[in-house]
Amino acid sequence: MAIDVAGAVKRYAAVTALRGVSHEFPAGRLSAVLGPSGCGKTTLLRAIAGFLTLDAGRIRFGDDDVTAVPPQRRGTAMV
């Protein structure tokens, strides 16, 4: 199943951790999120897993919009 992140925004007070992040993770492919410390990698993964709420944007698993779906109903894991 593909995972599509579109226009993801997450702010913590005066700090913007994600600024309009968009990316499609294709189904059946291994993907990696790489970048320097503090660039938003963990924030993005926590948003995909449902452990934090985006301020703007959407997350889709296949054809299903899971942006507002709680983590226990997403069928994901994060270690």
C-alpha atoms as a PDB file:
ATOM      1  CA  MET A   1       0.000   0.000   0.000  1.00  0.00           C
ATOM      2  CA  ALA A   2       1.339   3.432  -0.914  1.00  0.00           C
ATOM      3  CA  ILE A   3       1.665   6.138   1.723  1.00  0.00           C
ATOM      4  CA  ASP A   4       1.111   9.696   0.517  1.00  0.00           C
ATOM      5  CA  VAL A   5       1.976  12.750   2.595  1.00  0.00           C
ATOM      6  CA  ALA A   6       0.694  16.032   1.146  1.00  0.00           C
ATOM      7  CA  GLY A   7       1.472  19.501   2.484  1.00  0.00           C
ATOM      8  CA  ALA A   8       2.334  18.333   6.015  1.00  0.00           C
ATOM      9  CA  VAL A   9       2.832  21.177   8.488  1.00  0.00           C
ATOM     10  CA  LYS A  10       3.692  20.774  12.173  1.00  0.00           C
ATOM     11  CA  ARG A  11       4.570  23.660  14.478  1.00  0.00           C
ATOM     12  CA  TYR A  12       5.840  23.604  18.050  1.00  0.00           C
ATOM     13  CA  ALA A  13       5.337  27.133  19.443  1.00  0.00           C
ATOM     14  CA  ALA A  14       7.778  29.295  17.438  1.00  0.00           C
ATOM     15  CA  VAL A  15       9.469  26.335  15.685  1.00  0.00           C
ATOM     16  CA  THR A  16       8.120  24.864  12.444  1.00  0.00           C
ATOM     17  CA  ALA A  17       9.209  21.210  12.360  1.00  0.00           C
ATOM     18  CA  LEU A  18       7.491  20.360   9.049  1.00  0.00           C
ATOM     19  CA  ARG A  19       6.891  23.052   6.451  1.00  0.00           C
ATOM     20  CA  GLY A  20       4.656  21.806   3.623  1.00  0.00           C
ATOM     21  CA  VAL A  21       6.281  18.373   3.321  1.00  0.00           C
ATOM     22  CA  SER A  22       4.929  16.249   0.473  1.00  0.00           C
ATOM     23  CA  HIS A  23       6.170  12.808  -0.522  1.00  0.00           C
ATOM     24  CA  GLU A  24       4.760   9.545  -1.844  1.00  0.00           C
ATOM     25  CA  PHE A  25       6.169   6.288  -0.507  1.00  0.00           C
ATOM     26  CA  PRO A  26       5.309   3.740  -3.244  1.00  0.00           C
ATOM     27  CA  ALA A  27       3.727   0.404  -2.375  1.00  0.00           C
ATOM     28  CA  GLY A  28       6.118  -2.539  -2.267  1.00  0.00           C
ATOM     29  CA  ARG A  29       9.245  -0.367  -2.121  1.00  0.00           C
ATOM     30  CA  LEU A  30      11.746   0.133   0.675  1.00  0.00           C
ATOM     31  CA  SER A  31      12.060   3.821   1.553  1.00  0.00           C
ATOM     32  CA  ALA A  32      14.349   5.780   3.859  1.00  0.00           C
ATOM     33  CA  VAL A  33      13.960   9.242   5.359  1.00  0.00           C
ATOM     34  CA  LEU A  34      17.404  10.842   5.571  1.00  0.00           C
ATOM     35  CA  GLY A  35      18.618  14.229   6.739  1.00  0.00           C
ATOM     36  CA  PRO A  36      20.593  16.114   9.354  1.00  0.00           C
ATOM     37  CA  SER A  37      19.693  16.288  13.019  1.00  0.00           C
ATOM     38  CA  GLY A  38      16.643  18.455  13.670  1.00  0.00           C
ATOM     39  CA  CYS A  39      15.309  18.497  10.099  1.00  0.00           C
ATOM     40  CA  GLY A  40      11.959  16.816  10.927  1.00  0.00           C
ATOM     41  CA  LYS A  41      12.538  13.123  10.145  1.00  0.00           C
ATOM     42  CA  THR A  42      11.111  11.815  13.422  1.00  0.00           C
ATOM     43  CA  THR A  43       8.271  14.352  13.347  1.00  0.00           C
ATOM     44  CA  LEU A  44       7.293  13.111   9.877  1.00  0.00           C
ATOM     45  CA  LEU A  45       7.389   9.447  10.944  1.00  0.00           C
ATOM     46  CA  ARG A  46       5.401  10.195  14.129  1.00  0.00           C
ATOM     47  CA  ALA A  47       2.773  11.985  12.016  1.00  0.00           C
ATOM     48  CA  ILE A  48       2.524   9.034   9.606  1.00  0.00           C
ATOM     49  CA  ALA A  49       2.123   6.640  12.563  1.00  0.00           C
ATOM     50  CA  GLY A  50      -0.535   8.916  14.086  1.00  0.00           C
ATOM     51  CA  PHE A  51       1.369   9.792  17.262  1.00  0.00           C
ATOM     52  CA  LEU A  52       1.017  13.512  16.591  1.00  0.00           C
ATOM     53  CA  THR A  53      -1.532  15.709  14.856  1.00  0.00           C
ATOM     54  CA  LEU A  54      -0.576  17.806  11.852  1.00  0.00           C
ATOM     55  CA  ASP A  55      -1.405  21.512  11.825  1.00  0.00           C
ATOM     56  CA  ALA A  56      -2.098  21.267   8.085  1.00  0.00           C
ATOM     57  CA  GLY A  57      -1.835  18.727   5.290  1.00  0.00           C
ATOM     58  CA  ARG A  58      -3.006  15.143   4.890  1.00  0.00           C
ATOM     59  CA  ILE A  59      -1.775  11.572   5.081  1.00  0.00           C
ATOM     60  CA  ARG A  60      -3.231   8.787   2.950  1.00  0.00           C
ATOM     61  CA  PHE A  61      -2.700   5.040   3.126  1.00  0.00           C
ATOM     62  CA  GLY A  62      -3.664   3.865  -0.347  1.00  0.00           C
ATOM     63  CA  ASP A  63      -7.041   5.499  -1.050  1.00  0.00           C
ATOM     64  CA  ASP A  64      -7.854   6.086   2.636  1.00  0.00           C
ATOM     65  CA  ASP A  65      -7.295   9.473   4.277  1.00  0.00           C
ATOM     66  CA  VAL A  66      -5.914   8.614   7.735  1.00  0.00           C
ATOM     67  CA  THR A  67      -5.002  12.150   8.797  1.00  0.00           C
ATOM     68  CA  ALA A  68      -7.525  12.102  11.677  1.00  0.00           C
ATOM     69  CA  VAL A  69      -7.392   8.341  12.384  1.00  0.00           C
ATOM     70  CA  PRO A  70      -5.890   7.477  15.806  1.00  0.00           C
ATOM     71  CA  PRO A  71      -2.656   5.426  15.854  1.00  0.00           C
ATOM     72  CA  GLN A  72      -4.296   2.248  17.188  1.00  0.00           C
ATOM     73  CA  ARG A  73      -6.555   2.169  14.101  1.00  0.00           C
ATOM     74  CA  ARG A  74      -3.828   2.811  11.492  1.00  0.00           C
ATOM     75  CA  GLY A  75      -2.165  -0.601  11.592  1.00  0.00           C
ATOM     76  CA  THR A  76       1.337   0.888  11.795  1.00  0.00           C
ATOM     77  CA  ALA A  77       4.282   0.442  14.143  1.00  0.00           C
ATOM     78  CA  MET A  78       7.296   2.572  15.002  1.00  0.00           C
ATOM     79  CA  VAL A  79      10.482   1.540  16.780  1.00  0.00           C
END
